[in-house]
Amino acid sequence: MNTNIYYNLVGNWAPLPSGFNGTLMIRPLIGKPIIPIVSVDKLDAIIEFNVYPNPSNGNVNING
């Protein structure tokens, strides 16, 4: 176990749990934050629908 590996999910650094198996992967953030240029208007209505069968053989039906 490597005691020098820490992770940060919500703003606090914590040591990696002792039972962790696998390889550490990193996602570096370099430069200024990118402001998204895509947005979606908020929907006021809830649309209900069904998709069946699940699991599918490749063809699905959408009912709604």
N, C-alpha and C. Protein backbone atom coordinates (compact mmCIF):
# COMPACT_ATOMS: atom_id res chain seq x y z
N MET A 1 0.84 -1.19 0.00
CA MET A 1 0.00 0.00 0.00
C MET A 1 0.88 1.24 0.00
N ASN A 2 0.53 2.20 -0.84
CA ASN A 2 1.26 3.46 -0.91
C ASN A 2 0.55 4.48 -0.03
N THR A 3 1.23 4.97 0.99
CA THR A 3 0.62 5.94 1.92
C THR A 3 0.76 7.37 1.41
N ASN A 4 1.29 7.56 0.21
CA ASN A 4 1.49 8.91 -0.33
C ASN A 4 0.46 9.28 -1.38
N ILE A 5 -0.61 8.50 -1.53
CA ILE A 5 -1.64 8.80 -2.52
C ILE A 5 -2.86 9.36 -1.80
N TYR A 6 -3.28 10.55 -2.21
CA TYR A 6 -4.45 11.21 -1.64
C TYR A 6 -5.42 11.53 -2.75
N TYR A 7 -6.71 11.68 -2.42
CA TYR A 7 -7.72 12.05 -3.40
C TYR A 7 -8.57 13.17 -2.84
N ASN A 8 -9.21 13.92 -3.75
CA ASN A 8 -10.02 15.07 -3.37
C ASN A 8 -11.30 15.03 -4.19
N LEU A 9 -12.43 14.76 -3.54
CA LEU A 9 -13.71 14.71 -4.25
C LEU A 9 -14.57 15.93 -4.01
N VAL A 10 -14.55 16.48 -2.81
CA VAL A 10 -15.44 17.59 -2.47
C VAL A 10 -14.69 18.74 -1.80
N GLY A 11 -13.40 18.87 -2.12
CA GLY A 11 -12.64 19.99 -1.56
C GLY A 11 -11.74 19.62 -0.40
N ASN A 12 -11.81 18.38 0.07
CA ASN A 12 -10.96 17.93 1.18
C ASN A 12 -10.08 16.77 0.72
N TRP A 13 -8.80 16.83 1.04
CA TRP A 13 -7.88 15.76 0.67
C TRP A 13 -7.92 14.66 1.72
N ALA A 14 -7.95 13.42 1.26
CA ALA A 14 -7.98 12.26 2.16
C ALA A 14 -7.06 11.19 1.60
N PRO A 15 -6.45 10.38 2.49
CA PRO A 15 -5.60 9.29 1.99
C PRO A 15 -6.45 8.23 1.31
N LEU A 16 -5.86 7.58 0.33
CA LEU A 16 -6.55 6.51 -0.38
C LEU A 16 -6.85 5.37 0.59
N PRO A 17 -8.06 4.79 0.55
CA PRO A 17 -8.38 3.70 1.47
C PRO A 17 -7.42 2.52 1.32
N SER A 18 -7.14 1.83 2.42
CA SER A 18 -6.14 0.77 2.41
C SER A 18 -6.53 -0.41 1.54
N GLY A 19 -7.83 -0.66 1.34
CA GLY A 19 -8.25 -1.80 0.54
C GLY A 19 -8.35 -1.52 -0.94
N PHE A 20 -7.90 -0.34 -1.40
CA PHE A 20 -8.01 0.05 -2.80
C PHE A 20 -7.05 -0.76 -3.65
N ASN A 21 -7.57 -1.39 -4.70
CA ASN A 21 -6.74 -2.10 -5.66
C ASN A 21 -6.85 -1.41 -7.00
N GLY A 22 -5.76 -1.32 -7.72
CA GLY A 22 -5.80 -0.73 -9.05
C GLY A 22 -4.73 0.31 -9.23
N THR A 23 -4.82 1.04 -10.32
CA THR A 23 -3.84 2.03 -10.70
C THR A 23 -4.43 3.42 -10.55
N LEU A 24 -3.65 4.33 -10.01
CA LEU A 24 -4.07 5.72 -9.88
C LEU A 24 -4.11 6.36 -11.26
N MET A 25 -5.24 6.99 -11.58
CA MET A 25 -5.37 7.73 -12.85
C MET A 25 -5.65 9.18 -12.50
N ILE A 26 -5.08 10.09 -13.26
CA ILE A 26 -5.26 11.51 -12.97
C ILE A 26 -5.92 12.21 -14.15
N ARG A 27 -6.63 13.28 -13.85
CA ARG A 27 -7.23 14.13 -14.87
C ARG A 27 -6.79 15.56 -14.55
N PRO A 28 -5.67 15.99 -15.11
CA PRO A 28 -5.18 17.33 -14.78
C PRO A 28 -6.05 18.42 -15.38
N LEU A 29 -6.23 19.50 -14.63
CA LEU A 29 -6.93 20.68 -15.10
C LEU A 29 -5.89 21.76 -15.34
N ILE A 30 -5.71 22.14 -16.59
CA ILE A 30 -4.66 23.08 -16.96
C ILE A 30 -5.30 24.30 -17.59
N GLY A 31 -4.92 25.48 -17.12
CA GLY A 31 -5.42 26.72 -17.71
C GLY A 31 -6.69 27.21 -17.05
N LYS A 32 -7.32 28.20 -17.69
CA LYS A 32 -8.53 28.80 -17.17
C LYS A 32 -9.72 27.87 -17.37
N PRO A 33 -10.72 27.95 -16.49
CA PRO A 33 -11.93 27.15 -16.69
C PRO A 33 -12.61 27.51 -18.01
N ILE A 34 -13.17 26.53 -18.66
CA ILE A 34 -13.89 26.75 -19.91
C ILE A 34 -15.36 26.97 -19.59
N ILE A 35 -15.91 28.06 -20.08
CA ILE A 35 -17.33 28.35 -19.88
C ILE A 35 -18.11 27.61 -20.96
N PRO A 36 -19.05 26.75 -20.58
CA PRO A 36 -19.79 26.01 -21.59
C PRO A 36 -20.58 26.94 -22.51
N ILE A 37 -20.60 26.62 -23.79
CA ILE A 37 -21.33 27.45 -24.76
C ILE A 37 -22.66 26.82 -25.13
N VAL A 38 -22.99 25.70 -24.53
CA VAL A 38 -24.24 25.01 -24.82
C VAL A 38 -25.12 25.08 -23.58
N SER A 39 -26.39 25.36 -23.79
CA SER A 39 -27.32 25.37 -22.67
C SER A 39 -28.65 24.77 -23.10
N VAL A 40 -29.43 24.37 -22.13
CA VAL A 40 -30.74 23.80 -22.37
C VAL A 40 -31.74 24.57 -21.53
N ASP A 41 -32.82 25.00 -22.15
CA ASP A 41 -33.87 25.69 -21.40
C ASP A 41 -34.53 24.71 -20.44
N LYS A 42 -34.94 25.21 -19.29
CA LYS A 42 -35.62 24.39 -18.31
C LYS A 42 -37.01 24.03 -18.81
N LEU A 43 -37.34 22.75 -18.69
CA LEU A 43 -38.68 22.30 -19.09
C LEU A 43 -39.62 22.39 -17.90
N ASP A 44 -40.82 22.92 -18.13
CA ASP A 44 -41.81 23.02 -17.06
C ASP A 44 -42.69 21.77 -16.98
N ALA A 45 -42.76 21.01 -18.06
CA ALA A 45 -43.64 19.83 -18.08
C ALA A 45 -42.81 18.56 -17.90
N ILE A 46 -43.41 17.58 -17.26
CA ILE A 46 -42.78 16.27 -17.13
C ILE A 46 -43.40 15.36 -18.18
N ILE A 47 -42.56 14.79 -19.01
CA ILE A 47 -43.04 13.92 -20.07
C ILE A 47 -42.74 12.48 -19.68
N GLU A 48 -43.77 11.66 -19.61
CA GLU A 48 -43.59 10.26 -19.25
C GLU A 48 -43.66 9.40 -20.50
N PHE A 49 -42.80 8.40 -20.55
CA PHE A 49 -42.81 7.48 -21.67
C PHE A 49 -42.26 6.14 -21.22
N ASN A 50 -42.54 5.13 -22.01
CA ASN A 50 -42.06 3.78 -21.75
C ASN A 50 -41.20 3.32 -22.93
N VAL A 51 -40.14 2.63 -22.61
CA VAL A 51 -39.29 2.01 -23.62
C VAL A 51 -39.29 0.52 -23.30
N TYR A 52 -39.66 -0.33 -24.28
CA TYR A 52 -39.74 -1.75 -24.03
C TYR A 52 -39.43 -2.49 -25.32
N PRO A 53 -39.05 -3.74 -25.30
CA PRO A 53 -38.76 -4.57 -24.13
C PRO A 53 -37.37 -4.28 -23.59
N ASN A 54 -37.16 -4.67 -22.35
CA ASN A 54 -35.86 -4.49 -21.71
C ASN A 54 -35.55 -5.79 -20.98
N PRO A 55 -34.58 -6.56 -21.38
CA PRO A 55 -33.59 -6.27 -22.43
C PRO A 55 -34.18 -6.42 -23.82
N SER A 56 -33.47 -5.89 -24.79
CA SER A 56 -33.95 -5.85 -26.17
C SER A 56 -33.10 -6.74 -27.06
N ASN A 57 -33.69 -7.18 -28.17
CA ASN A 57 -32.93 -7.91 -29.16
C ASN A 57 -32.37 -6.97 -30.23
N GLY A 58 -32.50 -5.67 -30.00
CA GLY A 58 -32.01 -4.67 -30.94
C GLY A 58 -33.12 -3.72 -31.38
N ASN A 59 -34.36 -4.14 -31.26
CA ASN A 59 -35.50 -3.30 -31.59
C ASN A 59 -36.22 -2.92 -30.31
N VAL A 60 -36.54 -1.63 -30.17
CA VAL A 60 -37.27 -1.18 -28.98
C VAL A 60 -38.51 -0.41 -29.41
N ASN A 61 -39.50 -0.38 -28.53
CA ASN A 61 -40.71 0.40 -28.74
C ASN A 61 -40.71 1.56 -27.75
N ILE A 62 -41.15 2.72 -28.22
CA ILE A 62 -41.28 3.89 -27.36
C ILE A 62 -42.74 4.29 -27.35
N ASN A 63 -43.34 4.32 -26.17
CA ASN A 63 -44.74 4.64 -26.02
C ASN A 63 -44.86 5.84 -25.08
N GLY A 64 -45.49 6.92 -25.52
CA GLY A 64 -45.61 8.05 -24.63
C GLY A 64 -46.34 9.21 -25.21
